[in-house]
Amino acid sequence: MHPEAWLSLSATTRAPRGSEVDGVDYHFVSVKQFEDWIDAGDGLLEWARVHAGKYYGTPRAPVQEHLDAGRSVFLEIDTQGAFQVLELMPEAIAIFIEPPSIDTLRQRLSARGTETPEQIDGRIALAEHEIAQKMRYNYQIVNDDLDVATAELAAIIQAEESR
């Protein structure tokens, strides 16, 4: 990642999986804390309730701090969140990263071993919905080969920084 860039850390109300660490993988928060952010109206840049009713979202304050410091900020979020961000920040650049196929996505999710077949089916249905919206993004990258996808992302970042 570019030295002047920062990767935002999402918050969630789900429990950590395996070796996930609070403050490294996600901010793991209580439902009450998350709902307090929602009620505050300005606590979250974007949020959604997905995947078995768990909340996911981006705390607004750290994003704004990094933007104010002149850094590029990257958010790793779903389409619901992306469209919320684009409403608030039309200058944002949206990059859709998709799996090479639904079958590949199913294999990747199954290999994690963290979800039931029913939960995987729910994620697949959501992924199909999200893929159908990819043309609303500025760019699309197929994550088939990590090195190729990384190079494509780097090229997009360089092109956008040159504008």
C-alpha atoms as a PDB file:
ATOM      1  CA  MET A   1       0.000   0.000   0.000  1.00  0.00           C
ATOM      2  CA  HIS A   2       1.075   3.541  -0.710  1.00  0.00           C
ATOM      3  CA  PRO A   3       2.921   5.107   2.278  1.00  0.00           C
ATOM      4  CA  GLU A   4       0.398   7.938   2.444  1.00  0.00           C
ATOM      5  CA  ALA A   5      -2.531   5.515   2.519  1.00  0.00           C
ATOM      6  CA  TRP A   6      -4.432   3.968   5.391  1.00  0.00           C
ATOM      7  CA  LEU A   7      -6.621   0.851   5.459  1.00  0.00           C
ATOM      8  CA  SER A   8      -9.695   1.454   7.583  1.00  0.00           C
ATOM      9  CA  LEU A   9     -10.660  -1.170  10.129  1.00  0.00           C
ATOM     10  CA  SER A  10     -14.320  -2.145  10.172  1.00  0.00           C
ATOM     11  CA  ALA A  11     -16.352  -2.758  13.300  1.00  0.00           C
ATOM     12  CA  THR A  12     -18.623  -5.750  13.777  1.00  0.00           C
ATOM     13  CA  THR A  13     -20.881  -7.280  16.389  1.00  0.00           C
ATOM     14  CA  ARG A  14     -19.966 -10.832  15.441  1.00  0.00           C
ATOM     15  CA  ALA A  15     -17.575 -12.870  17.551  1.00  0.00           C
ATOM     16  CA  PRO A  16     -13.946 -13.211  16.457  1.00  0.00           C
ATOM     17  CA  ARG A  17     -13.172 -16.243  14.287  1.00  0.00           C
ATOM     18  CA  GLY A  18     -10.184 -18.431  15.085  1.00  0.00           C
ATOM     19  CA  SER A  19      -7.138 -16.266  15.687  1.00  0.00           C
ATOM     20  CA  GLU A  20      -8.750 -12.906  14.833  1.00  0.00           C
ATOM     21  CA  VAL A  21      -7.668 -10.101  17.144  1.00  0.00           C
ATOM     22  CA  ASP A  22      -9.669  -7.052  18.198  1.00  0.00           C
ATOM     23  CA  GLY A  23      -8.132  -3.908  16.747  1.00  0.00           C
ATOM     24  CA  VAL A  24      -6.199  -5.900  14.124  1.00  0.00           C
ATOM     25  CA  ASP A  25      -8.797  -7.810  12.117  1.00  0.00           C
ATOM     26  CA  TYR A  26     -11.882  -5.859  13.198  1.00  0.00           C
ATOM     27  CA  HIS A  27     -13.097  -3.742  16.051  1.00  0.00           C
ATOM     28  CA  PHE A  28     -15.273  -6.315  17.825  1.00  0.00           C
ATOM     29  CA  VAL A  29     -17.969  -4.352  19.631  1.00  0.00           C
ATOM     30  CA  SER A  30     -21.211  -5.025  21.449  1.00  0.00           C
ATOM     31  CA  VAL A  31     -24.590  -4.589  19.801  1.00  0.00           C
ATOM     32  CA  LYS A  32     -25.227  -1.716  22.238  1.00  0.00           C
ATOM     33  CA  GLN A  33     -22.039   0.102  21.201  1.00  0.00           C
ATOM     34  CA  PHE A  34     -22.863  -0.325  17.524  1.00  0.00           C
ATOM     35  CA  GLU A  35     -26.445   0.843  17.975  1.00  0.00           C
ATOM     36  CA  ASP A  36     -25.184   3.850  19.955  1.00  0.00           C
ATOM     37  CA  TRP A  37     -23.060   4.785  16.916  1.00  0.00           C
ATOM     38  CA  ILE A  38     -26.102   4.407  14.670  1.00  0.00           C
ATOM     39  CA  ASP A  39     -28.266   6.493  17.014  1.00  0.00           C
ATOM     40  CA  ALA A  40     -25.603   9.216  17.185  1.00  0.00           C
ATOM     41  CA  GLY A  41     -26.097   9.738  13.463  1.00  0.00           C
ATOM     42  CA  ASP A  42     -22.447  10.552  12.833  1.00  0.00           C
ATOM     43  CA  GLY A  43     -20.657   7.674  14.531  1.00  0.00           C
ATOM     44  CA  LEU A  44     -20.428   5.557  11.380  1.00  0.00           C
ATOM     45  CA  LEU A  45     -19.496   6.409   7.825  1.00  0.00           C
ATOM     46  CA  GLU A  46     -21.451   3.380   6.602  1.00  0.00           C
ATOM     47  CA  TRP A  47     -23.092   0.344   8.136  1.00  0.00           C
ATOM     48  CA  ALA A  48     -25.294  -2.628   7.427  1.00  0.00           C
ATOM     49  CA  ARG A  49     -26.867  -5.563   9.214  1.00  0.00           C
ATOM     50  CA  VAL A  50     -25.890  -8.713   7.315  1.00  0.00           C
ATOM     51  CA  HIS A  51     -24.664 -12.286   7.756  1.00  0.00           C
ATOM     52  CA  ALA A  52     -26.943 -13.782  10.412  1.00  0.00           C
ATOM     53  CA  GLY A  53     -28.104 -10.367  11.625  1.00  0.00           C
ATOM     54  CA  LYS A  54     -24.671  -9.104  12.686  1.00  0.00           C
ATOM     55  CA  TYR A  55     -23.753  -5.451  12.276  1.00  0.00           C
ATOM     56  CA  TYR A  56     -20.760  -4.356  10.218  1.00  0.00           C
ATOM     57  CA  GLY A  57     -19.657  -0.792   9.650  1.00  0.00           C
ATOM     58  CA  THR A  58     -16.912   1.800   9.424  1.00  0.00           C
ATOM     59  CA  PRO A  59     -16.346   4.143  12.378  1.00  0.00           C
ATOM     60  CA  ARG A  60     -16.323   7.662  10.935  1.00  0.00           C
ATOM     61  CA  ALA A  61     -13.822   9.447  13.209  1.00  0.00           C
ATOM     62  CA  PRO A  62     -10.622   7.581  12.263  1.00  0.00           C
ATOM     63  CA  VAL A  63     -11.463   7.812   8.550  1.00  0.00           C
ATOM     64  CA  GLN A  64     -11.970  11.565   8.828  1.00  0.00           C
ATOM     65  CA  GLU A  65      -8.740  11.977  10.821  1.00  0.00           C
ATOM     66  CA  HIS A  66      -6.712  10.286   8.081  1.00  0.00           C
ATOM     67  CA  LEU A  67      -8.458  12.190   5.287  1.00  0.00           C
ATOM     68  CA  ASP A  68      -7.817  15.465   7.142  1.00  0.00           C
ATOM     69  CA  ALA A  69      -4.136  14.486   7.345  1.00  0.00           C
ATOM     70  CA  GLY A  70      -4.050  14.160   3.540  1.00  0.00           C
ATOM     71  CA  ARG A  71      -3.912  10.372   3.353  1.00  0.00           C
ATOM     72  CA  SER A  72      -5.774   8.149   0.933  1.00  0.00           C
ATOM     73  CA  VAL A  73      -8.153   5.917   2.871  1.00  0.00           C
ATOM     74  CA  PHE A  74      -9.161   2.426   1.774  1.00  0.00           C
ATOM     75  CA  LEU A  75     -12.364   0.795   2.986  1.00  0.00           C
ATOM     76  CA  GLU A  76     -12.974  -2.934   2.608  1.00  0.00           C
ATOM     77  CA  ILE A  77     -16.777  -2.949   2.588  1.00  0.00           C
ATOM     78  CA  ASP A  78     -19.813  -4.487   0.908  1.00  0.00           C
ATOM     79  CA  THR A  79     -21.980  -2.849  -1.734  1.00  0.00           C
ATOM     80  CA  GLN A  80     -24.456  -1.460   0.786  1.00  0.00           C
ATOM     81  CA  GLY A  81     -21.630   0.363   2.510  1.00  0.00           C
ATOM     82  CA  ALA A  82     -19.983   1.444  -0.738  1.00  0.00           C
ATOM     83  CA  PHE A  83     -23.163   3.104  -1.961  1.00  0.00           C
ATOM     84  CA  GLN A  84     -23.609   4.858   1.407  1.00  0.00           C
ATOM     85  CA  VAL A  85     -20.042   6.198   1.181  1.00  0.00           C
ATOM     86  CA  LEU A  86     -20.549   7.346  -2.410  1.00  0.00           C
ATOM     87  CA  GLU A  87     -23.676   9.262  -1.307  1.00  0.00           C
ATOM     88  CA  LEU A  88     -21.693  11.079   1.385  1.00  0.00           C
ATOM     89  CA  MET A  89     -18.454  11.377  -0.574  1.00  0.00           C
ATOM     90  CA  PRO A  90     -19.136  11.434  -4.331  1.00  0.00           C
ATOM     91  CA  GLU A  91     -15.425  11.976  -4.978  1.00  0.00           C
ATOM     92  CA  ALA A  92     -14.630   8.528  -3.551  1.00  0.00           C
ATOM     93  CA  ILE A  93     -13.373   5.893  -5.981  1.00  0.00           C
ATOM     94  CA  ALA A  94     -15.162   2.536  -5.779  1.00  0.00           C
ATOM     95  CA  ILE A  95     -13.315  -0.629  -6.787  1.00  0.00           C
ATOM     96  CA  PHE A  96     -15.283  -3.891  -6.922  1.00  0.00           C
ATOM     97  CA  ILE A  97     -13.199  -7.008  -6.262  1.00  0.00           C
ATOM     98  CA  GLU A  98     -14.967 -10.176  -7.301  1.00  0.00           C
ATOM     99  CA  PRO A  99     -14.209 -13.890  -7.255  1.00  0.00           C
ATOM    100  CA  PRO A 100     -13.515 -15.598 -10.592  1.00  0.00           C
ATOM    101  CA  SER A 101     -16.742 -17.580 -10.199  1.00  0.00           C
ATOM    102  CA  ILE A 102     -19.464 -18.400  -7.687  1.00  0.00           C
ATOM    103  CA  ASP A 103     -18.102 -21.964  -7.485  1.00  0.00           C
ATOM    104  CA  THR A 104     -14.670 -20.608  -6.536  1.00  0.00           C
ATOM    105  CA  LEU A 105     -16.248 -18.373  -3.901  1.00  0.00           C
ATOM    106  CA  ARG A 106     -18.139 -21.343  -2.448  1.00  0.00           C
ATOM    107  CA  GLN A 107     -14.896 -23.353  -2.292  1.00  0.00           C
ATOM    108  CA  ARG A 108     -13.058 -20.471  -0.585  1.00  0.00           C
ATOM    109  CA  LEU A 109     -15.825 -20.023   1.994  1.00  0.00           C
ATOM    110  CA  SER A 110     -16.025 -23.764   2.670  1.00  0.00           C
ATOM    111  CA  ALA A 111     -12.249 -24.007   3.065  1.00  0.00           C
ATOM    112  CA  ARG A 112     -12.359 -21.439   5.895  1.00  0.00           C
ATOM    113  CA  GLY A 113     -14.374 -23.884   7.954  1.00  0.00           C
ATOM    114  CA  THR A 114     -16.038 -21.112   9.939  1.00  0.00           C
ATOM    115  CA  GLU A 115     -19.617 -21.270   8.655  1.00  0.00           C
ATOM    116  CA  THR A 116     -22.386 -23.783   8.239  1.00  0.00           C
ATOM    117  CA  PRO A 117     -23.573 -24.797   4.755  1.00  0.00           C
ATOM    118  CA  GLU A 118     -26.672 -22.652   5.317  1.00  0.00           C
ATOM    119  CA  GLN A 119     -24.539 -19.624   6.202  1.00  0.00           C
ATOM    120  CA  ILE A 120     -22.424 -20.214   3.103  1.00  0.00           C
ATOM    121  CA  ASP A 121     -25.595 -20.379   0.996  1.00  0.00           C
ATOM    122  CA  GLY A 122     -26.607 -17.000   2.451  1.00  0.00           C
ATOM    123  CA  ARG A 123     -23.227 -15.500   1.616  1.00  0.00           C
ATOM    124  CA  ILE A 124     -23.406 -16.886  -1.921  1.00  0.00           C
ATOM    125  CA  ALA A 125     -26.844 -15.338  -2.428  1.00  0.00           C
ATOM    126  CA  LEU A 126     -25.523 -12.001  -1.172  1.00  0.00           C
ATOM    127  CA  ALA A 127     -22.446 -12.267  -3.410  1.00  0.00           C
ATOM    128  CA  GLU A 128     -24.635 -12.874  -6.460  1.00  0.00           C
ATOM    129  CA  HIS A 129     -26.646  -9.770  -5.583  1.00  0.00           C
ATOM    130  CA  GLU A 130     -23.474  -7.720  -5.123  1.00  0.00           C
ATOM    131  CA  ILE A 131     -21.857  -8.957  -8.353  1.00  0.00           C
ATOM    132  CA  ALA A 132     -24.968  -7.842 -10.222  1.00  0.00           C
ATOM    133  CA  GLN A 133     -24.199  -4.286  -9.022  1.00  0.00           C
ATOM    134  CA  LYS A 134     -20.518  -4.188  -9.952  1.00  0.00           C
ATOM    135  CA  MET A 135     -21.051  -1.849 -12.886  1.00  0.00           C
ATOM    136  CA  ARG A 136     -21.999   0.899 -10.417  1.00  0.00           C
ATOM    137  CA  TYR A 137     -18.329   0.945  -9.343  1.00  0.00           C
ATOM    138  CA  ASN A 138     -15.578   2.935 -11.038  1.00  0.00           C
ATOM    139  CA  TYR A 139     -13.429  -0.182 -11.503  1.00  0.00           C
ATOM    140  CA  GLN A 140     -13.771  -3.970 -11.291  1.00  0.00           C
ATOM    141  CA  ILE A 141     -11.014  -6.484 -10.512  1.00  0.00           C
ATOM    142  CA  VAL A 142     -11.379 -10.265 -10.705  1.00  0.00           C
ATOM    143  CA  ASN A 143      -9.436 -11.874  -7.853  1.00  0.00           C
ATOM    144  CA  ASP A 144      -8.376 -15.046  -9.659  1.00  0.00           C
ATOM    145  CA  ASP A 145      -4.613 -14.643  -9.309  1.00  0.00           C
ATOM    146  CA  LEU A 146      -3.580 -12.600  -6.267  1.00  0.00           C
ATOM    147  CA  ASP A 147      -0.447 -11.182  -7.933  1.00  0.00           C
ATOM    148  CA  VAL A 148      -2.400 -10.062 -11.003  1.00  0.00           C
ATOM    149  CA  ALA A 149      -5.237  -8.595  -8.906  1.00  0.00           C
ATOM    150  CA  THR A 150      -2.703  -6.753  -6.725  1.00  0.00           C
ATOM    151  CA  ALA A 151      -0.969  -5.328  -9.799  1.00  0.00           C
ATOM    152  CA  GLU A 152      -4.317  -4.177 -11.212  1.00  0.00           C
ATOM    153  CA  LEU A 153      -5.184  -2.483  -7.918  1.00  0.00           C
ATOM    154  CA  ALA A 154      -1.777  -0.765  -7.825  1.00  0.00           C
ATOM    155  CA  ALA A 155      -2.299   0.482 -11.397  1.00  0.00           C
ATOM    156  CA  ILE A 156      -5.714   1.903 -10.484  1.00  0.00           C
ATOM    157  CA  ILE A 157      -4.268   3.664  -7.443  1.00  0.00           C
ATOM    158  CA  GLN A 158      -1.423   5.116  -9.498  1.00  0.00           C
ATOM    159  CA  ALA A 159      -3.812   6.303 -12.211  1.00  0.00           C
ATOM    160  CA  GLU A 160      -6.143   7.933  -9.680  1.00  0.00           C
ATOM    161  CA  GLU A 161      -3.280   9.646  -7.853  1.00  0.00           C
ATOM    162  CA  SER A 162      -2.072  11.044 -11.188  1.00  0.00           C
ATOM    163  CA  ARG A 163      -5.423  12.683 -11.966  1.00  0.00           C
END
